[in-house]
């Protein structure tokens, strides 16, 4: 009887571990995607800052020449 219960419980435990691992992997993938999006947003912000500075300098130089 105990052997029958163990033979039923073991596959269920394996399935639960597999499900847990898949959920953990999905969560990890989502975190990586969010991290990549934050890095990209930061990079875009830095690029926009430097573009704005370049534009301001170019406009200032233009108005000084006029």
PDB file of N, CA and C in Angstrom:
ATOM      1  N   UNK A   1       0.823  -1.195   0.000  1.00  0.00           N
ATOM      2  CA  UNK A   1       0.000   0.000   0.000  1.00  0.00           C
ATOM      3  C   UNK A   1       0.866   1.258   0.000  1.00  0.00           C
ATOM      4  N   UNK A   2       1.871   1.259   0.862  1.00  0.00           N
ATOM      5  CA  UNK A   2       2.787   2.404   0.934  1.00  0.00           C
ATOM      6  C   UNK A   2       3.533   2.572  -0.386  1.00  0.00           C
ATOM      7  N   UNK A   3       3.897   1.466  -0.992  1.00  0.00           N
ATOM      8  CA  UNK A   3       4.603   1.491  -2.266  1.00  0.00           C
ATOM      9  C   UNK A   3       3.720   2.086  -3.358  1.00  0.00           C
ATOM     10  N   UNK A   4       2.437   1.766  -3.344  1.00  0.00           N
ATOM     11  CA  UNK A   4       1.502   2.321  -4.325  1.00  0.00           C
ATOM     12  C   UNK A   4       1.389   3.833  -4.173  1.00  0.00           C
ATOM     13  N   UNK A   5       1.339   4.308  -2.936  1.00  0.00           N
ATOM     14  CA  UNK A   5       1.260   5.752  -2.692  1.00  0.00           C
ATOM     15  C   UNK A   5       2.523   6.456  -3.165  1.00  0.00           C
ATOM     16  N   UNK A   6       3.667   5.838  -2.905  1.00  0.00           N
ATOM     17  CA  UNK A   6       4.935   6.428  -3.340  1.00  0.00           C
ATOM     18  C   UNK A   6       5.020   6.486  -4.859  1.00  0.00           C
ATOM     19  N   UNK A   7       4.513   5.451  -5.522  1.00  0.00           N
ATOM     20  CA  UNK A   7       4.567   5.434  -6.984  1.00  0.00           C
ATOM     21  C   UNK A   7       3.643   6.494  -7.588  1.00  0.00           C
ATOM     22  N   UNK A   8       2.615   6.895  -6.872  1.00  0.00           N
ATOM     23  CA  UNK A   8       1.713   7.948  -7.341  1.00  0.00           C
ATOM     24  C   UNK A   8       2.272   9.324  -6.990  1.00  0.00           C
ATOM     25  N   UNK A   9       2.846   9.434  -5.801  1.00  0.00           N
ATOM     26  CA  UNK A   9       3.329  10.730  -5.316  1.00  0.00           C
ATOM     27  C   UNK A   9       4.580  11.178  -6.065  1.00  0.00           C
ATOM     28  N   UNK A  10       5.459  10.269  -6.395  1.00  0.00           N
ATOM     29  CA  UNK A  10       6.724  10.631  -7.039  1.00  0.00           C
ATOM     30  C   UNK A  10       6.513  11.388  -8.356  1.00  0.00           C
ATOM     31  N   UNK A  11       5.674  10.899  -9.274  1.00  0.00           N
ATOM     32  CA  UNK A  11       5.465  11.662 -10.517  1.00  0.00           C
ATOM     33  C   UNK A  11       4.825  13.029 -10.271  1.00  0.00           C
ATOM     34  N   UNK A  12       3.958  13.097  -9.279  1.00  0.00           N
ATOM     35  CA  UNK A  12       3.326  14.378  -8.957  1.00  0.00           C
ATOM     36  C   UNK A  12       4.374  15.354  -8.442  1.00  0.00           C
ATOM     37  N   UNK A  13       5.272  14.866  -7.599  1.00  0.00           N
ATOM     38  CA  UNK A  13       6.346  15.720  -7.096  1.00  0.00           C
ATOM     39  C   UNK A  13       7.230  16.206  -8.238  1.00  0.00           C
ATOM     40  N   UNK A  14       7.533  15.320  -9.158  1.00  0.00           N
ATOM     41  CA  UNK A  14       8.351  15.695 -10.311  1.00  0.00           C
ATOM     42  C   UNK A  14       7.634  16.758 -11.138  1.00  0.00           C
ATOM     43  N   UNK A  15       6.340  16.579 -11.356  1.00  0.00           N
ATOM     44  CA  UNK A  15       5.555  17.566 -12.104  1.00  0.00           C
ATOM     45  C   UNK A  15       5.551  18.918 -11.395  1.00  0.00           C
ATOM     46  N   UNK A  16       5.386  18.892 -10.077  1.00  0.00           N
ATOM     47  CA  UNK A  16       5.383  20.144  -9.319  1.00  0.00           C
ATOM     48  C   UNK A  16       6.734  20.851  -9.396  1.00  0.00           C
ATOM     49  N   UNK A  17       7.802  20.088  -9.313  1.00  0.00           N
ATOM     50  CA  UNK A  17       9.140  20.674  -9.430  1.00  0.00           C
ATOM     51  C   UNK A  17       9.323  21.266 -10.823  1.00  0.00           C
ATOM     52  N   UNK A  18       8.881  20.549 -11.851  1.00  0.00           N
ATOM     53  CA  UNK A  18       8.977  21.069 -13.222  1.00  0.00           C
ATOM     54  C   UNK A  18       8.191  22.369 -13.378  1.00  0.00           C
ATOM     55  N   UNK A  19       6.992  22.405 -12.822  1.00  0.00           N
ATOM     56  CA  UNK A  19       6.164  23.614 -12.896  1.00  0.00           C
ATOM     57  C   UNK A  19       6.854  24.764 -12.177  1.00  0.00           C
ATOM     58  N   UNK A  20       7.376  24.485 -10.995  1.00  0.00           N
ATOM     59  CA  UNK A  20       8.077  25.518 -10.236  1.00  0.00           C
ATOM     60  C   UNK A  20       9.278  26.041 -11.014  1.00  0.00           C
ATOM     61  N   UNK A  21      10.038  25.145 -11.616  1.00  0.00           N
ATOM     62  CA  UNK A  21      11.220  25.554 -12.384  1.00  0.00           C
ATOM     63  C   UNK A  21      10.810  26.408 -13.586  1.00  0.00           C
ATOM     64  N   UNK A  22       9.738  26.022 -14.265  1.00  0.00           N
ATOM     65  CA  UNK A  22       9.259  26.803 -15.404  1.00  0.00           C
ATOM     66  C   UNK A  22       8.811  28.195 -14.970  1.00  0.00           C
ATOM     67  N   UNK A  23       8.092  28.265 -13.863  1.00  0.00           N
ATOM     68  CA  UNK A  23       7.648  29.569 -13.361  1.00  0.00           C
ATOM     69  C   UNK A  23       8.840  30.432 -12.974  1.00  0.00           C
ATOM     70  N   UNK A  24       9.814  29.816 -12.343  1.00  0.00           N
ATOM     71  CA  UNK A  24      11.013  30.538 -11.942  1.00  0.00           C
ATOM     72  C   UNK A  24      11.769  31.039 -13.175  1.00  0.00           C
ATOM     73  N   UNK A  25      11.833  30.214 -14.207  1.00  0.00           N
ATOM     74  CA  UNK A  25      12.511  30.593 -15.448  1.00  0.00           C
ATOM     75  C   UNK A  25      11.771  31.746 -16.129  1.00  0.00           C
ATOM     76  N   UNK A  26      10.448  31.674 -16.157  1.00  0.00           N
ATOM     77  CA  UNK A  26       9.655  32.750 -16.754  1.00  0.00           C
ATOM     78  C   UNK A  26       9.860  34.053 -15.998  1.00  0.00           C
ATOM     79  N   UNK A  27       9.866  33.975 -14.679  1.00  0.00           N
ATOM     80  CA  UNK A  27      10.081  35.167 -13.857  1.00  0.00           C
ATOM     81  C   UNK A  27      11.462  35.754 -14.126  1.00  0.00           C
ATOM     82  N   UNK A  28      12.446  34.892 -14.256  1.00  0.00           N
ATOM     83  CA  UNK A  28      13.805  35.342 -14.546  1.00  0.00           C
ATOM     84  C   UNK A  28      13.868  36.017 -15.916  1.00  0.00           C
ATOM     85  N   UNK A  29      13.187  35.434 -16.902  1.00  0.00           N
ATOM     86  CA  UNK A  29      13.161  36.021 -18.244  1.00  0.00           C
ATOM     87  C   UNK A  29      12.490  37.392 -18.231  1.00  0.00           C
ATOM     88  N   UNK A  30      11.412  37.514 -17.485  1.00  0.00           N
ATOM     89  CA  UNK A  30      10.711  38.797 -17.390  1.00  0.00           C
ATOM     90  C   UNK A  30      11.609  39.838 -16.740  1.00  0.00           C
ATOM     91  N   UNK A  31      12.319  39.434 -15.688  1.00  0.00           N
ATOM     92  CA  UNK A  31      13.241  40.362 -15.025  1.00  0.00           C
ATOM     93  C   UNK A  31      14.340  40.812 -15.980  1.00  0.00           C
ATOM     94  N   UNK A  32      14.867  39.889 -16.778  1.00  0.00           N
ATOM     95  CA  UNK A  32      15.908  40.231 -17.750  1.00  0.00           C
ATOM     96  C   UNK A  32      15.370  41.194 -18.807  1.00  0.00           C
ATOM     97  N   UNK A  33      14.143  40.956 -19.268  1.00  0.00           N
ATOM     98  CA  UNK A  33      13.539  41.849 -20.255  1.00  0.00           C
ATOM     99  C   UNK A  33      13.336  43.238 -19.669  1.00  0.00           C
ATOM    100  N   UNK A  34      12.852  43.297 -18.435  1.00  0.00           N
ATOM    101  CA  UNK A  34      12.655  44.592 -17.784  1.00  0.00           C
ATOM    102  C   UNK A  34      13.982  45.307 -17.587  1.00  0.00           C
ATOM    103  N   UNK A  35      15.006  44.559 -17.231  1.00  0.00           N
ATOM    104  CA  UNK A  35      16.337  45.139 -17.048  1.00  0.00           C
ATOM    105  C   UNK A  35      16.841  45.720 -18.368  1.00  0.00           C
ATOM    106  N   UNK A  36      16.655  44.977 -19.448  1.00  0.00           N
ATOM    107  CA  UNK A  36      17.080  45.447 -20.765  1.00  0.00           C
ATOM    108  C   UNK A  36      16.300  46.700 -21.169  1.00  0.00           C
ATOM    109  N   UNK A  37      15.005  46.731 -20.868  1.00  0.00           N
ATOM    110  CA  UNK A  37      14.195  47.908 -21.198  1.00  0.00           C
ATOM    111  C   UNK A  37      14.645  49.127 -20.399  1.00  0.00           C
ATOM    112  N   UNK A  38      14.977  48.925 -19.121  1.00  0.00           N
ATOM    113  CA  UNK A  38      15.450  50.043 -18.300  1.00  0.00           C
ATOM    114  C   UNK A  38      16.789  50.566 -18.809  1.00  0.00           C
ATOM    115  N   UNK A  39      17.678  49.649 -19.201  1.00  0.00           N
ATOM    116  CA  UNK A  39      18.975  50.062 -19.744  1.00  0.00           C
ATOM    117  C   UNK A  39      18.783  50.856 -21.035  1.00  0.00           C
ATOM    118  N   UNK A  40      17.901  50.377 -21.891  1.00  0.00           N
ATOM    119  CA  UNK A  40      17.639  51.062 -23.152  1.00  0.00           C
ATOM    120  C   UNK A  40      17.050  52.442 -22.900  1.00  0.00           C
ATOM    121  N   UNK A  41      16.120  52.542 -21.966  1.00  0.00           N
ATOM    122  CA  UNK A  41      15.517  53.835 -21.638  1.00  0.00           C
ATOM    123  C   UNK A  41      16.572  54.791 -21.088  1.00  0.00           C
ATOM    124  N   UNK A  42      17.462  54.289 -20.253  1.00  0.00           N
ATOM    125  CA  UNK A  42      18.531  55.127 -19.707  1.00  0.00           C
ATOM    126  C   UNK A  42      19.465  55.583 -20.824  1.00  0.00           C
ATOM    127  N   UNK A  43      19.811  54.669 -21.716  1.00  0.00           N
ATOM    128  CA  UNK A  43      20.693  55.008 -22.835  1.00  0.00           C
ATOM    129  C   UNK A  43      20.040  56.068 -23.723  1.00  0.00           C
ATOM    130  N   UNK A  44      18.749  55.910 -23.995  1.00  0.00           N
ATOM    131  CA  UNK A  44      18.026  56.899 -24.805  1.00  0.00           C
ATOM    132  C   UNK A  44      17.999  58.251 -24.113  1.00  0.00           C
ATOM    133  N   UNK A  45      17.794  58.240 -22.808  1.00  0.00           N
ATOM    134  CA  UNK A  45      17.788  59.491 -22.048  1.00  0.00           C
ATOM    135  C   UNK A  45      19.128  60.197 -22.129  1.00  0.00           C
ATOM    136  N   UNK A  46      20.204  59.445 -22.009  1.00  0.00           N
ATOM    137  CA  UNK A  46      21.545  60.030 -22.096  1.00  0.00           C
ATOM    138  C   UNK A  46      21.778  60.587 -23.496  1.00  0.00           C
ATOM    139  N   UNK A  47      21.408  59.824 -24.518  1.00  0.00           N
ATOM    140  CA  UNK A  47      21.574  60.292 -25.900  1.00  0.00           C
ATOM    141  C   UNK A  47      20.771  61.566 -26.140  1.00  0.00           C
ATOM    142  N   UNK A  48      19.542  61.614 -25.654  1.00  0.00           N
ATOM    143  CA  UNK A  48      18.716  62.809 -25.834  1.00  0.00           C
ATOM    144  C   UNK A  48      19.323  64.001 -25.115  1.00  0.00           C
ATOM    145  N   UNK A  49      19.898  63.765 -23.951  1.00  0.00           N
ATOM    146  CA  UNK A  49      20.540  64.846 -23.204  1.00  0.00           C
ATOM    147  C   UNK A  49      21.693  65.437 -24.016  1.00  0.00           C
ATOM    148  N   UNK A  50      22.556  64.556 -24.563  1.00  0.00           N
ATOM    149  CA  UNK A  50      23.687  65.046 -25.341  1.00  0.00           C
ATOM    150  C   UNK A  50      23.235  65.697 -26.648  1.00  0.00           C
ATOM    151  N   UNK A  51      22.200  65.161 -27.274  1.00  0.00           N
ATOM    152  CA  UNK A  51      21.673  65.785 -28.489  1.00  0.00           C
ATOM    153  C   UNK A  51      21.139  67.184 -28.186  1.00  0.00           C
ATOM    154  N   UNK A  52      20.458  67.326 -27.066  1.00  0.00           N
ATOM    155  CA  UNK A  52      19.930  68.631 -26.663  1.00  0.00           C
ATOM    156  C   UNK A  52      21.072  69.611 -26.425  1.00  0.00           C
ATOM    157  N   UNK A  53      22.120  69.141 -25.748  1.00  0.00           N
ATOM    158  CA  UNK A  53      23.282  70.003 -25.490  1.00  0.00           C
ATOM    159  C   UNK A  53      23.939  70.423 -26.805  1.00  0.00           C
ATOM    160  N   UNK A  54      24.076  69.492 -27.746  1.00  0.00           N
ATOM    161  CA  UNK A  54      24.666  69.814 -29.043  1.00  0.00           C
ATOM    162  C   UNK A  54      23.807  70.832 -29.786  1.00  0.00           C
ATOM    163  N   UNK A  55      22.505  70.640 -29.764  1.00  0.00           N
ATOM    164  CA  UNK A  55      21.598  71.557 -30.439  1.00  0.00           C
ATOM    165  C   UNK A  55      21.667  72.940 -29.812  1.00  0.00           C
ATOM    166  N   UNK A  56      21.684  73.004 -28.481  1.00  0.00           N
ATOM    167  CA  UNK A  56      21.792  74.294 -27.800  1.00  0.00           C
ATOM    168  C   UNK A  56      23.089  74.997 -28.168  1.00  0.00           C
ATOM    169  N   UNK A  57      24.185  74.235 -28.216  1.00  0.00           N
ATOM    170  CA  UNK A  57      25.479  74.824 -28.573  1.00  0.00           C
ATOM    171  C   UNK A  57      25.463  75.310 -30.020  1.00  0.00           C
ATOM    172  N   UNK A  58      24.881  74.530 -30.920  1.00  0.00           N
ATOM    173  CA  UNK A  58      24.818  74.921 -32.328  1.00  0.00           C
ATOM    174  C   UNK A  58      23.958  76.169 -32.499  1.00  0.00           C
ATOM    175  N   UNK A  59      22.831  76.238 -31.796  1.00  0.00           N
ATOM    176  CA  UNK A  59      21.966  77.418 -31.887  1.00  0.00           C
ATOM    177  C   UNK A  59      22.655  78.650 -31.305  1.00  0.00           C
ATOM    178  N   UNK A  60      23.342  78.463 -30.195  1.00  0.00           N
ATOM    179  CA  UNK A  60      24.060  79.578 -29.580  1.00  0.00           C
ATOM    180  C   UNK A  60      25.137  80.090 -30.527  1.00  0.00           C
ATOM    181  N   UNK A  61      25.874  79.169 -31.132  1.00  0.00           N
ATOM    182  CA  UNK A  61      26.920  79.548 -32.086  1.00  0.00           C
ATOM    183  C   UNK A  61      26.309  80.260 -33.290  1.00  0.00           C
ATOM    184  N   UNK A  62      25.182  79.759 -33.772  1.00  0.00           N
ATOM    185  CA  UNK A  62      24.516  80.381 -34.912  1.00  0.00           C
ATOM    186  C   UNK A  62      24.110  81.811 -34.581  1.00  0.00           C
ATOM    187  N   UNK A  63      23.484  82.025 -33.412  1.00  0.00           N
ATOM    188  CA  UNK A  63      23.018  83.357 -33.056  1.00  0.00           C
ATOM    189  C   UNK A  63      24.178  84.304 -32.780  1.00  0.00           C
ATOM    190  N   UNK A  64      25.300  83.782 -32.333  1.00  0.00           N
ATOM    191  CA  UNK A  64      26.463  84.635 -32.117  1.00  0.00           C
ATOM    192  C   UNK A  64      27.049  85.093 -33.444  1.00  0.00           C
ATOM    193  N   UNK A  65      26.932  84.266 -34.487  1.00  0.00           N
ATOM    194  CA  UNK A  65      27.448  84.619 -35.808  1.00  0.00           C
ATOM    195  C   UNK A  65      26.538  85.609 -36.519  1.00  0.00           C
ATOM    196  N   UNK A  66      25.265  85.627 -36.162  1.00  0.00           N
ATOM    197  CA  UNK A  66      24.304  86.496 -36.845  1.00  0.00           C
ATOM    198  C   UNK A  66      24.452  87.901 -36.417  1.00  0.00           C
TER     199      UNK A  66
END
